[in-house]
Amino acid sequence: MEILVNLDVMMAKRKISSGELAEKIGITPANLSILKTGKAKAIRFSTLMALCHELECQPGDILEFRE
């Protein structure tokens, strides 16, 4: 079982760069990269909310559970 992070897919659909998104949601590009690659151990709800707001999506568009 795993949680997949589809942040890169949503960013591509919205045509937004990592640097631009990181600046808009108030995190460092390095931390955004950790999220994008799925190496993060956790995500704050405030960060998830900011991502969903900027990308105009739902949390389920970014995070996916796989058995």
PDB file of N, CA and C in Angstrom:
ATOM      1  N   MET A   1       0.836  -1.174   0.000  1.00  0.00           N
ATOM      2  CA  MET A   1       0.000   0.000   0.000  1.00  0.00           C
ATOM      3  C   MET A   1       0.885   1.242   0.000  1.00  0.00           C
ATOM      4  N   GLU A   2       0.432   2.229  -0.719  1.00  0.00           N
ATOM      5  CA  GLU A   2       1.199   3.472  -0.782  1.00  0.00           C
ATOM      6  C   GLU A   2       0.296   4.637  -1.162  1.00  0.00           C
ATOM      7  N   ILE A   3       0.765   5.815  -0.833  1.00  0.00           N
ATOM      8  CA  ILE A   3       0.110   7.047  -1.250  1.00  0.00           C
ATOM      9  C   ILE A   3       0.965   7.641  -2.365  1.00  0.00           C
ATOM     10  N   LEU A   4       0.379   7.815  -3.533  1.00  0.00           N
ATOM     11  CA  LEU A   4       1.080   8.429  -4.665  1.00  0.00           C
ATOM     12  C   LEU A   4       0.768   9.911  -4.707  1.00  0.00           C
ATOM     13  N   VAL A   5       1.770  10.697  -5.057  1.00  0.00           N
ATOM     14  CA  VAL A   5       1.607  12.145  -5.171  1.00  0.00           C
ATOM     15  C   VAL A   5       1.610  12.495  -6.655  1.00  0.00           C
ATOM     16  N   ASN A   6       0.484  13.006  -7.128  1.00  0.00           N
ATOM     17  CA  ASN A   6       0.329  13.372  -8.540  1.00  0.00           C
ATOM     18  C   ASN A   6       0.457  14.880  -8.750  1.00  0.00           C
ATOM     19  N   LEU A   7       1.277  15.508  -7.935  1.00  0.00           N
ATOM     20  CA  LEU A   7       1.441  16.960  -8.008  1.00  0.00           C
ATOM     21  C   LEU A   7       2.008  17.389  -9.352  1.00  0.00           C
ATOM     22  N   ASP A   8       2.970  16.637  -9.875  1.00  0.00           N
ATOM     23  CA  ASP A   8       3.566  16.991 -11.162  1.00  0.00           C
ATOM     24  C   ASP A   8       2.543  16.936 -12.295  1.00  0.00           C
ATOM     25  N   VAL A   9       1.597  15.997 -12.205  1.00  0.00           N
ATOM     26  CA  VAL A   9       0.541  15.878 -13.217  1.00  0.00           C
ATOM     27  C   VAL A   9      -0.357  17.107 -13.184  1.00  0.00           C
ATOM     28  N   MET A  10      -0.758  17.508 -11.969  1.00  0.00           N
ATOM     29  CA  MET A  10      -1.632  18.681 -11.835  1.00  0.00           C
ATOM     30  C   MET A  10      -0.916  19.954 -12.272  1.00  0.00           C
ATOM     31  N   MET A  11       0.373  20.046 -11.970  1.00  0.00           N
ATOM     32  CA  MET A  11       1.145  21.227 -12.386  1.00  0.00           C
ATOM     33  C   MET A  11       1.225  21.293 -13.909  1.00  0.00           C
ATOM     34  N   ALA A  12       1.414  20.155 -14.551  1.00  0.00           N
ATOM     35  CA  ALA A  12       1.484  20.121 -16.015  1.00  0.00           C
ATOM     36  C   ALA A  12       0.142  20.516 -16.626  1.00  0.00           C
ATOM     37  N   LYS A  13      -0.945  20.017 -16.036  1.00  0.00           N
ATOM     38  CA  LYS A  13      -2.273  20.365 -16.547  1.00  0.00           C
ATOM     39  C   LYS A  13      -2.541  21.861 -16.435  1.00  0.00           C
ATOM     40  N   ARG A  14      -2.037  22.481 -15.359  1.00  0.00           N
ATOM     41  CA  ARG A  14      -2.264  23.911 -15.125  1.00  0.00           C
ATOM     42  C   ARG A  14      -1.156  24.784 -15.722  1.00  0.00           C
ATOM     43  N   LYS A  15      -0.152  24.126 -16.296  1.00  0.00           N
ATOM     44  CA  LYS A  15       0.979  24.821 -16.927  1.00  0.00           C
ATOM     45  C   LYS A  15       1.628  25.837 -15.985  1.00  0.00           C
ATOM     46  N   ILE A  16       2.025  25.343 -14.817  1.00  0.00           N
ATOM     47  CA  ILE A  16       2.682  26.182 -13.821  1.00  0.00           C
ATOM     48  C   ILE A  16       4.015  25.542 -13.436  1.00  0.00           C
ATOM     49  N   SER A  17       5.032  26.357 -13.284  1.00  0.00           N
ATOM     50  CA  SER A  17       6.362  25.846 -12.943  1.00  0.00           C
ATOM     51  C   SER A  17       6.488  25.640 -11.434  1.00  0.00           C
ATOM     52  N   SER A  18       7.472  24.860 -11.051  1.00  0.00           N
ATOM     53  CA  SER A  18       7.712  24.602  -9.633  1.00  0.00           C
ATOM     54  C   SER A  18       8.028  25.884  -8.882  1.00  0.00           C
ATOM     55  N   GLY A  19       8.878  26.698  -9.459  1.00  0.00           N
ATOM     56  CA  GLY A  19       9.256  27.948  -8.809  1.00  0.00           C
ATOM     57  C   GLY A  19       8.075  28.873  -8.603  1.00  0.00           C
ATOM     58  N   GLU A  20       7.233  28.973  -9.621  1.00  0.00           N
ATOM     59  CA  GLU A  20       6.054  29.845  -9.537  1.00  0.00           C
ATOM     60  C   GLU A  20       5.074  29.327  -8.487  1.00  0.00           C
ATOM     61  N   LEU A  21       4.826  28.014  -8.490  1.00  0.00           N
ATOM     62  CA  LEU A  21       3.894  27.440  -7.528  1.00  0.00           C
ATOM     63  C   LEU A  21       4.425  27.577  -6.102  1.00  0.00           C
ATOM     64  N   ALA A  22       5.705  27.297  -5.910  1.00  0.00           N
ATOM     65  CA  ALA A  22       6.306  27.411  -4.582  1.00  0.00           C
ATOM     66  C   ALA A  22       6.151  28.830  -4.047  1.00  0.00           C
ATOM     67  N   GLU A  23       6.397  29.810  -4.895  1.00  0.00           N
ATOM     68  CA  GLU A  23       6.273  31.210  -4.484  1.00  0.00           C
ATOM     69  C   GLU A  23       4.819  31.546  -4.119  1.00  0.00           C
ATOM     70  N   LYS A  24       3.885  31.075  -4.915  1.00  0.00           N
ATOM     71  CA  LYS A  24       2.473  31.390  -4.690  1.00  0.00           C
ATOM     72  C   LYS A  24       1.931  30.778  -3.402  1.00  0.00           C
ATOM     73  N   ILE A  25       2.413  29.582  -3.032  1.00  0.00           N
ATOM     74  CA  ILE A  25       1.876  28.936  -1.833  1.00  0.00           C
ATOM     75  C   ILE A  25       2.764  29.155  -0.601  1.00  0.00           C
ATOM     76  N   GLY A  26       3.902  29.804  -0.786  1.00  0.00           N
ATOM     77  CA  GLY A  26       4.741  30.176   0.346  1.00  0.00           C
ATOM     78  C   GLY A  26       5.614  29.081   0.919  1.00  0.00           C
ATOM     79  N   ILE A  27       6.113  28.186   0.057  1.00  0.00           N
ATOM     80  CA  ILE A  27       7.096  27.197   0.509  1.00  0.00           C
ATOM     81  C   ILE A  27       8.328  27.296  -0.391  1.00  0.00           C
ATOM     82  N   THR A  28       9.406  26.672   0.038  1.00  0.00           N
ATOM     83  CA  THR A  28      10.631  26.737  -0.755  1.00  0.00           C
ATOM     84  C   THR A  28      10.527  25.781  -1.947  1.00  0.00           C
ATOM     85  N   PRO A  29      11.221  26.094  -3.032  1.00  0.00           N
ATOM     86  CA  PRO A  29      11.247  25.162  -4.167  1.00  0.00           C
ATOM     87  C   PRO A  29      11.763  23.778  -3.768  1.00  0.00           C
ATOM     88  N   ALA A  30      12.688  23.726  -2.821  1.00  0.00           N
ATOM     89  CA  ALA A  30      13.222  22.436  -2.363  1.00  0.00           C
ATOM     90  C   ALA A  30      12.129  21.605  -1.686  1.00  0.00           C
ATOM     91  N   ASN A  31      11.320  22.242  -0.843  1.00  0.00           N
ATOM     92  CA  ASN A  31      10.236  21.513  -0.179  1.00  0.00           C
ATOM     93  C   ASN A  31       9.167  21.085  -1.179  1.00  0.00           C
ATOM     94  N   LEU A  32       8.898  21.908  -2.178  1.00  0.00           N
ATOM     95  CA  LEU A  32       7.946  21.525  -3.214  1.00  0.00           C
ATOM     96  C   LEU A  32       8.476  20.319  -3.990  1.00  0.00           C
ATOM     97  N   SER A  33       9.761  20.299  -4.248  1.00  0.00           N
ATOM     98  CA  SER A  33      10.386  19.175  -4.946  1.00  0.00           C
ATOM     99  C   SER A  33      10.239  17.885  -4.143  1.00  0.00           C
ATOM    100  N   ILE A  34      10.396  17.971  -2.833  1.00  0.00           N
ATOM    101  CA  ILE A  34      10.229  16.804  -1.969  1.00  0.00           C
ATOM    102  C   ILE A  34       8.799  16.280  -2.070  1.00  0.00           C
ATOM    103  N   LEU A  35       7.833  17.192  -2.103  1.00  0.00           N
ATOM    104  CA  LEU A  35       6.432  16.789  -2.265  1.00  0.00           C
ATOM    105  C   LEU A  35       6.210  16.149  -3.625  1.00  0.00           C
ATOM    106  N   LYS A  36       6.725  16.773  -4.681  1.00  0.00           N
ATOM    107  CA  LYS A  36       6.515  16.284  -6.046  1.00  0.00           C
ATOM    108  C   LYS A  36       7.068  14.878  -6.252  1.00  0.00           C
ATOM    109  N   THR A  37       8.203  14.597  -5.659  1.00  0.00           N
ATOM    110  CA  THR A  37       8.847  13.302  -5.873  1.00  0.00           C
ATOM    111  C   THR A  37       8.278  12.210  -4.974  1.00  0.00           C
ATOM    112  N   GLY A  38       7.371  12.578  -4.068  1.00  0.00           N
ATOM    113  CA  GLY A  38       6.773  11.592  -3.175  1.00  0.00           C
ATOM    114  C   GLY A  38       7.660  11.190  -2.023  1.00  0.00           C
ATOM    115  N   LYS A  39       8.717  11.956  -1.762  1.00  0.00           N
ATOM    116  CA  LYS A  39       9.643  11.631  -0.687  1.00  0.00           C
ATOM    117  C   LYS A  39       9.220  12.212   0.658  1.00  0.00           C
ATOM    118  N   ALA A  40       8.181  13.030   0.659  1.00  0.00           N
ATOM    119  CA  ALA A  40       7.708  13.640   1.897  1.00  0.00           C
ATOM    120  C   ALA A  40       7.061  12.585   2.782  1.00  0.00           C
ATOM    121  N   LYS A  41       7.276  12.686   4.067  1.00  0.00           N
ATOM    122  CA  LYS A  41       6.668  11.775   5.031  1.00  0.00           C
ATOM    123  C   LYS A  41       5.299  12.285   5.478  1.00  0.00           C
ATOM    124  N   ALA A  42       5.059  13.584   5.294  1.00  0.00           N
ATOM    125  CA  ALA A  42       3.805  14.197   5.727  1.00  0.00           C
ATOM    126  C   ALA A  42       3.579  15.475   4.927  1.00  0.00           C
ATOM    127  N   ILE A  43       2.345  15.961   4.970  1.00  0.00           N
ATOM    128  CA  ILE A  43       2.020  17.241   4.357  1.00  0.00           C
ATOM    129  C   ILE A  43       1.055  17.962   5.290  1.00  0.00           C
ATOM    130  N   ARG A  44       1.292  19.231   5.502  1.00  0.00           N
ATOM    131  CA  ARG A  44       0.395  20.011   6.347  1.00  0.00           C
ATOM    132  C   ARG A  44      -0.889  20.286   5.586  1.00  0.00           C
ATOM    133  N   PHE A  45      -1.996  20.303   6.331  1.00  0.00           N
ATOM    134  CA  PHE A  45      -3.270  20.628   5.699  1.00  0.00           C
ATOM    135  C   PHE A  45      -3.231  22.023   5.090  1.00  0.00           C
ATOM    136  N   SER A  46      -2.526  22.947   5.721  1.00  0.00           N
ATOM    137  CA  SER A  46      -2.445  24.311   5.180  1.00  0.00           C
ATOM    138  C   SER A  46      -1.719  24.315   3.833  1.00  0.00           C
ATOM    139  N   THR A  47      -0.700  23.470   3.683  1.00  0.00           N
ATOM    140  CA  THR A  47       0.016  23.362   2.409  1.00  0.00           C
ATOM    141  C   THR A  47      -0.864  22.701   1.361  1.00  0.00           C
ATOM    142  N   LEU A  48      -1.559  21.638   1.746  1.00  0.00           N
ATOM    143  CA  LEU A  48      -2.463  20.949   0.828  1.00  0.00           C
ATOM    144  C   LEU A  48      -3.578  21.890   0.381  1.00  0.00           C
ATOM    145  N   MET A  49      -4.108  22.682   1.306  1.00  0.00           N
ATOM    146  CA  MET A  49      -5.157  23.632   0.979  1.00  0.00           C
ATOM    147  C   MET A  49      -4.640  24.690   0.002  1.00  0.00           C
ATOM    148  N   ALA A  50      -3.429  25.192   0.222  1.00  0.00           N
ATOM    149  CA  ALA A  50      -2.843  26.186  -0.670  1.00  0.00           C
ATOM    150  C   ALA A  50      -2.602  25.604  -2.062  1.00  0.00           C
ATOM    151  N   LEU A  51      -2.131  24.359  -2.122  1.00  0.00           N
ATOM    152  CA  LEU A  51      -1.928  23.696  -3.413  1.00  0.00           C
ATOM    153  C   LEU A  51      -3.247  23.562  -4.165  1.00  0.00           C
ATOM    154  N   CYS A  52      -4.280  23.099  -3.461  1.00  0.00           N
ATOM    155  CA  CYS A  52      -5.589  22.928  -4.095  1.00  0.00           C
ATOM    156  C   CYS A  52      -6.149  24.264  -4.570  1.00  0.00           C
ATOM    157  N   HIS A  53      -5.942  25.306  -3.784  1.00  0.00           N
ATOM    158  CA  HIS A  53      -6.424  26.635  -4.168  1.00  0.00           C
ATOM    159  C   HIS A  53      -5.735  27.114  -5.441  1.00  0.00           C
ATOM    160  N   GLU A  54      -4.418  27.027  -5.467  1.00  0.00           N
ATOM    161  CA  GLU A  54      -3.656  27.519  -6.629  1.00  0.00           C
ATOM    162  C   GLU A  54      -3.865  26.671  -7.873  1.00  0.00           C
ATOM    163  N   LEU A  55      -3.996  25.362  -7.695  1.00  0.00           N
ATOM    164  CA  LEU A  55      -4.149  24.458  -8.840  1.00  0.00           C
ATOM    165  C   LEU A  55      -5.618  24.228  -9.208  1.00  0.00           C
ATOM    166  N   GLU A  56      -6.520  24.823  -8.421  1.00  0.00           N
ATOM    167  CA  GLU A  56      -7.958  24.685  -8.646  1.00  0.00           C
ATOM    168  C   GLU A  56      -8.341  23.211  -8.779  1.00  0.00           C
ATOM    169  N   CYS A  57      -8.027  22.455  -7.725  1.00  0.00           N
ATOM    170  CA  CYS A  57      -8.318  21.020  -7.728  1.00  0.00           C
ATOM    171  C   CYS A  57      -8.727  20.565  -6.344  1.00  0.00           C
ATOM    172  N   GLN A  58      -9.002  19.289  -6.213  1.00  0.00           N
ATOM    173  CA  GLN A  58      -9.355  18.662  -4.947  1.00  0.00           C
ATOM    174  C   GLN A  58      -8.149  17.875  -4.418  1.00  0.00           C
ATOM    175  N   PRO A  59      -8.083  17.632  -3.097  1.00  0.00           N
ATOM    176  CA  PRO A  59      -6.966  16.853  -2.551  1.00  0.00           C
ATOM    177  C   PRO A  59      -6.783  15.501  -3.250  1.00  0.00           C
ATOM    178  N   GLY A  60      -7.880  14.871  -3.653  1.00  0.00           N
ATOM    179  CA  GLY A  60      -7.805  13.589  -4.345  1.00  0.00           C
ATOM    180  C   GLY A  60      -7.185  13.676  -5.724  1.00  0.00           C
ATOM    181  N   ASP A  61      -7.105  14.873  -6.283  1.00  0.00           N
ATOM    182  CA  ASP A  61      -6.419  15.062  -7.566  1.00  0.00           C
ATOM    183  C   ASP A  61      -4.906  15.033  -7.372  1.00  0.00           C
ATOM    184  N   ILE A  62      -4.460  15.335  -6.164  1.00  0.00           N
ATOM    185  CA  ILE A  62      -3.020  15.398  -5.863  1.00  0.00           C
ATOM    186  C   ILE A  62      -2.546  14.108  -5.207  1.00  0.00           C
ATOM    187  N   LEU A  63      -3.348  13.561  -4.292  1.00  0.00           N
ATOM    188  CA  LEU A  63      -2.962  12.370  -3.528  1.00  0.00           C
ATOM    189  C   LEU A  63      -3.817  11.186  -3.963  1.00  0.00           C
ATOM    190  N   GLU A  64      -3.183  10.027  -4.121  1.00  0.00           N
ATOM    191  CA  GLU A  64      -3.878   8.816  -4.569  1.00  0.00           C
ATOM    192  C   GLU A  64      -3.417   7.627  -3.740  1.00  0.00           C
ATOM    193  N   PHE A  65      -4.358   6.824  -3.257  1.00  0.00           N
ATOM    194  CA  PHE A  65      -4.036   5.629  -2.480  1.00  0.00           C
ATOM    195  C   PHE A  65      -4.028   4.420  -3.404  1.00  0.00           C
ATOM    196  N   ARG A  66      -2.966   3.634  -3.312  1.00  0.00           N
ATOM    197  CA  ARG A  66      -2.858   2.401  -4.105  1.00  0.00           C
ATOM    198  C   ARG A  66      -2.525   1.244  -3.187  1.00  0.00           C
ATOM    199  N   GLU A  67      -3.194   0.117  -3.424  1.00  0.00           N
ATOM    200  CA  GLU A  67      -2.900  -1.104  -2.651  1.00  0.00           C
ATOM    201  C   GLU A  67      -1.738  -1.832  -3.263  1.00  0.00           C
TER     202      GLU A  67
END
